[in-house]
Protein backbone atom coordinates (compact mmCIF):
# COMPACT_ATOMS: atom_id res chain seq x y z
CA MET A 1 9.39 -24.07 3.75
CA ASN A 2 9.36 -25.70 0.15
CA LEU A 3 6.24 -26.20 -1.78
CA THR A 4 5.73 -29.21 -3.35
CA GLU A 5 3.64 -27.26 -6.41
CA LEU A 6 4.00 -24.25 -7.96
CA PRO A 7 2.73 -22.34 -10.58
CA ILE A 8 3.74 -23.69 -14.35
CA ASP A 9 4.86 -19.85 -15.00
CA LEU A 10 6.29 -19.67 -12.39
CA LYS A 11 8.79 -22.50 -13.29
CA LYS A 12 9.61 -21.74 -16.51
CA GLN A 13 10.87 -18.38 -14.84
CA ILE A 14 13.21 -20.06 -12.29
CA GLU A 15 14.49 -22.67 -14.40
CA ASN A 16 18.08 -23.70 -13.12
CA GLU A 17 17.88 -21.31 -10.18
CA LYS A 18 18.90 -22.97 -6.79
CA ILE A 19 16.30 -22.56 -4.98
CA ASP A 20 16.68 -21.66 -0.92
CA PHE A 21 13.01 -21.85 -0.19
CA SER A 22 9.58 -21.47 -2.08
CA LEU A 23 6.48 -20.50 -0.14
CA LYS A 24 2.54 -18.79 -0.75
CA SER A 25 1.50 -15.39 1.54
CA THR A 26 -1.16 -16.02 3.26
CA ARG A 27 -1.86 -11.94 2.78
CA LYS A 28 -0.64 -8.78 -0.11
CA TYR A 29 -0.88 -6.53 2.73
CA PRO A 30 -0.88 -6.14 6.50
CA LEU A 31 -4.31 -5.83 8.04
CA ASN A 32 -3.44 -2.64 10.48
CA LYS A 33 -1.76 -1.37 7.19
CA SER A 34 -5.77 -2.18 5.21
CA LEU A 35 -7.40 -1.07 7.73
CA THR A 36 -5.66 2.51 8.38
CA ASN A 37 -6.08 3.34 5.10
CA LEU A 38 -9.57 2.15 5.31
CA LEU A 39 -9.85 4.70 8.38
CA ILE A 40 -8.60 7.28 6.46
CA GLY A 41 -10.77 6.73 3.72
CA LEU A 42 -13.73 6.64 5.80
CA CYS A 43 -13.01 10.29 7.44
CA MET A 44 -12.56 11.79 4.08
CA CYS A 45 -16.00 10.48 3.13
CA ILE A 46 -17.54 12.11 6.52
CA PHE A 47 -15.33 15.25 6.27
CA MET A 48 -16.42 15.75 2.24
CA SER A 49 -20.14 14.33 3.23
CA LEU A 50 -20.87 17.60 5.82
CA PHE A 51 -19.02 19.60 3.70
CA VAL A 52 -21.57 19.23 0.69
CA HIS A 53 -24.19 19.02 3.32
CA ALA A 54 -23.18 22.68 4.61
CA PHE A 55 -21.92 23.92 1.04
CA MET A 56 -25.06 22.30 -0.95
CA GLY A 57 -27.54 21.57 1.47
CA PRO A 58 -29.73 25.01 0.91
CA LEU A 59 -29.69 23.68 -2.97
CA PHE A 60 -31.82 20.95 -1.91
CA THR A 61 -34.49 22.25 0.06
CA ASN A 62 -34.60 25.52 -2.88
CA GLU A 63 -32.87 28.00 -0.94
CA VAL A 64 -29.85 30.15 -1.53
CA VAL A 65 -26.10 29.70 -1.25
CA HIS A 66 -24.58 32.33 -0.21
CA PHE A 67 -19.97 32.14 -0.22
CA GLU A 68 -17.20 34.07 -1.26
CA SER A 69 -15.07 33.79 -4.23
CA ASN A 70 -11.92 35.46 -3.86
CA GLY A 71 -13.06 37.31 -1.62
CA GLN A 72 -16.06 38.60 -3.34
CA PRO A 73 -19.70 37.83 -1.80
CA VAL A 74 -21.28 35.69 -4.33
CA THR A 75 -24.89 33.83 -4.64
CA ALA A 76 -26.06 30.98 -5.90
CA SER A 77 -28.98 28.73 -6.99
CA LEU A 78 -30.80 26.23 -8.38
CA ASP A 79 -31.44 29.14 -11.30
CA ASN A 80 -27.52 30.01 -11.08
CA LEU A 81 -25.56 27.44 -10.69
CA ASP A 82 -22.82 28.83 -12.88
CA GLU A 83 -21.17 29.90 -9.81
CA LEU A 84 -21.16 26.48 -8.48
CA ILE A 85 -19.59 24.78 -11.48
CA PHE A 86 -16.08 24.91 -10.38
CA PRO A 87 -16.28 24.68 -6.45
CA GLY A 88 -18.90 21.82 -7.42
CA ILE A 89 -16.31 20.10 -9.67
CA ILE A 90 -13.48 20.17 -6.42
CA ILE A 91 -16.23 18.78 -3.56
CA ILE A 92 -16.91 15.66 -6.60
CA LEU A 93 -13.64 15.23 -7.30
CA LEU A 94 -12.55 14.72 -3.13
CA SER A 95 -15.57 13.02 -2.54
CA LEU A 96 -14.41 9.99 -4.90
CA SER A 97 -10.61 10.45 -3.79
CA GLY A 98 -12.68 9.36 -0.57
CA ILE A 99 -14.79 6.34 -2.00
CA TYR A 100 -11.85 4.76 -3.72
CA VAL A 101 -9.23 4.76 -0.61
CA VAL A 102 -12.36 3.26 1.48
CA ILE A 103 -13.32 0.89 -1.79
CA ARG A 104 -9.42 -0.11 -2.41
CA ALA A 105 -8.87 -0.10 1.51
CA ILE A 106 -11.77 -2.95 1.52
CA TYR A 107 -10.32 -4.76 -1.64
CA SER A 108 -6.44 -4.87 -0.13
CA ILE A 109 -8.14 -6.09 3.70
CA PHE A 110 -9.53 -9.81 1.39
CA GLN A 111 -6.80 -9.83 -1.05
CA SER A 112 -4.46 -13.10 -0.95
CA GLY A 113 -0.78 -12.89 -1.12
CA GLY A 114 1.25 -14.37 -3.71
CA TYR A 115 4.16 -16.97 -4.37
CA PHE A 116 7.49 -16.04 -3.18
CA VAL A 117 10.99 -17.86 -4.09
CA GLY A 118 14.42 -16.69 -3.18
CA THR A 119 17.22 -17.92 -5.41
CA GLU A 120 21.00 -16.95 -5.26
CA SER A 121 20.54 -13.72 -6.61
CA ARG A 122 17.07 -12.74 -6.72
CA LEU A 123 13.45 -12.32 -4.91
CA ILE A 124 10.82 -13.40 -7.02
CA GLN A 125 7.31 -12.11 -6.37
CA PHE A 126 4.69 -14.23 -8.28
CA GLN A 127 0.85 -13.30 -8.40
CA ASN A 128 -2.33 -13.50 -10.80
CA GLY A 129 0.32 -14.07 -13.28
CA LYS A 130 2.81 -10.87 -12.99
CA THR A 131 6.40 -11.67 -11.94
CA ILE A 132 8.09 -9.39 -10.06
CA SER A 133 11.97 -9.84 -9.15
CA THR A 134 13.84 -7.94 -7.46
CA ASP A 135 18.08 -8.51 -6.86
CA TRP A 136 19.14 -8.87 -3.13
CA GLU A 137 20.86 -6.40 -3.46
CA GLN A 138 18.51 -3.94 -3.47
CA PHE A 139 17.47 -4.68 -0.49
CA THR A 140 18.86 -2.78 2.60
CA GLY A 141 19.36 -5.08 5.06
CA ASN A 142 16.16 -3.60 7.39
CA VAL A 143 13.94 -6.63 8.16
CA LYS A 144 10.91 -6.22 10.63
CA ILE A 145 10.14 -9.25 12.11
CA ASN A 146 6.43 -10.27 13.83
CA ALA A 147 5.87 -13.80 14.37
CA LYS A 148 4.42 -15.84 17.28
CA ASN A 149 5.11 -20.01 17.79
CA ASN A 150 7.78 -19.50 14.40
CA TYR A 151 4.71 -18.25 12.41
CA GLY A 152 4.35 -14.49 11.52
CA ASN A 153 5.13 -11.87 9.23
CA LEU A 154 8.23 -10.51 7.24
CA GLU A 155 8.41 -6.80 5.85
CA TYR A 156 11.76 -6.50 4.20
CA GLU A 157 12.93 -2.54 2.86
CA LEU A 158 14.20 -1.49 -0.08
CA ARG A 159 16.67 0.52 -1.64
CA THR A 160 13.61 1.94 -3.95
CA GLY A 161 11.20 4.41 -2.48
CA LYS A 162 9.63 7.86 -3.05
CA ILE A 163 10.06 11.39 -1.42
CA LYS A 164 7.38 12.52 0.97
CA GLY A 165 6.92 16.38 1.17
CA ARG A 166 5.90 17.33 4.87
CA LYS A 167 4.55 20.39 6.00
CA ASN A 168 7.06 22.74 7.73
CA GLN A 169 9.72 19.86 8.18
CA PRO A 170 12.84 18.10 5.25
CA ASP A 171 11.21 15.91 3.05
CA LYS A 172 11.04 12.53 4.03
CA PHE A 173 12.51 9.55 1.96
CA VAL A 174 9.87 6.38 1.91
CA PRO A 175 11.63 3.24 0.69
CA ASP A 176 9.97 0.40 -0.80
CA VAL A 177 8.85 -2.42 0.95
CA ILE A 178 8.17 -6.19 0.27
CA TYR A 179 5.82 -7.93 2.70
CA ILE A 180 6.11 -12.00 3.21
CA LEU A 181 2.65 -12.60 5.45
CA GLY A 182 1.33 -14.90 7.00
CA ILE A 183 3.94 -17.51 6.67
CA VAL A 184 5.25 -20.66 9.10
CA ASN A 185 9.06 -21.31 9.87
CA VAL A 186 9.29 -17.51 9.71
CA TYR A 187 12.21 -17.05 11.13
CA GLU A 188 14.28 -19.75 9.07
CA ILE A 189 12.57 -17.73 5.85
CA GLU A 190 14.28 -14.62 7.81
CA ARG A 191 17.76 -16.38 7.64
CA LYS A 192 18.18 -17.54 4.45
CA CYS A 193 17.31 -14.30 2.77
CA ARG A 194 19.71 -12.50 5.43
CA ILE A 195 22.59 -14.49 4.15
CA ARG A 196 21.95 -13.31 0.60
CA ILE A 197 21.93 -10.05 1.19
CA LYS A 198 24.83 -10.35 3.43
CA GLU A 199 26.41 -11.81 0.57
CA ASN A 200 25.44 -9.21 -2.02
CA ASP A 201 26.04 -6.23 0.72
CA PRO A 202 27.86 -5.29 3.56
CA THR A 203 26.12 -2.93 5.64
CA PRO A 204 25.16 -4.13 8.38
CA ALA A 205 21.38 -5.53 8.98
CA VAL A 206 18.85 -4.01 11.65
CA VAL A 207 16.34 -6.35 12.29
CA GLU A 208 13.12 -5.52 14.86
CA TYR A 209 10.85 -7.82 17.04
């Protein structure tokens, strides 16, 4: 799919490179990913609100709070908040983390996608004046296609990523993913990307439908 017009700044970066395709993604992140993050954030906020109510609730009615610190019984009240400073900071930080996850998830739900341009040597992402250029050799060749009537999403796995620690299990490598979402001619775009990836990496690709 070729667009008749691309942003001027993007055109300048492409210069004389041969363009295989150019398109605009309708979303930056998959909706299910955004909704999952929203659910996680809401669960964090609900858990922390229950914790705040149980731990700080008595203070709102001018009562005394009893808890243990380093195995020793501690009492705190509105007249003596010294023992609550450290746990209070922890509670505030965790609450803010939950709120941050919720806000970021809501923002990602409505965040539109950017421009994508495929050339002989790289895939260019351009959004809000920011450009990310990824050489085809950085792609593993693994791609997930979610489409109907030649309209849908592409998710490309990269060789870069991060190590995620897991409790009682070996650490897991989580690859970075490039999302190209809500596009027409999705199979044609996937075919063109596959050709370039194979030209730069002979590793067989894994295609999921």
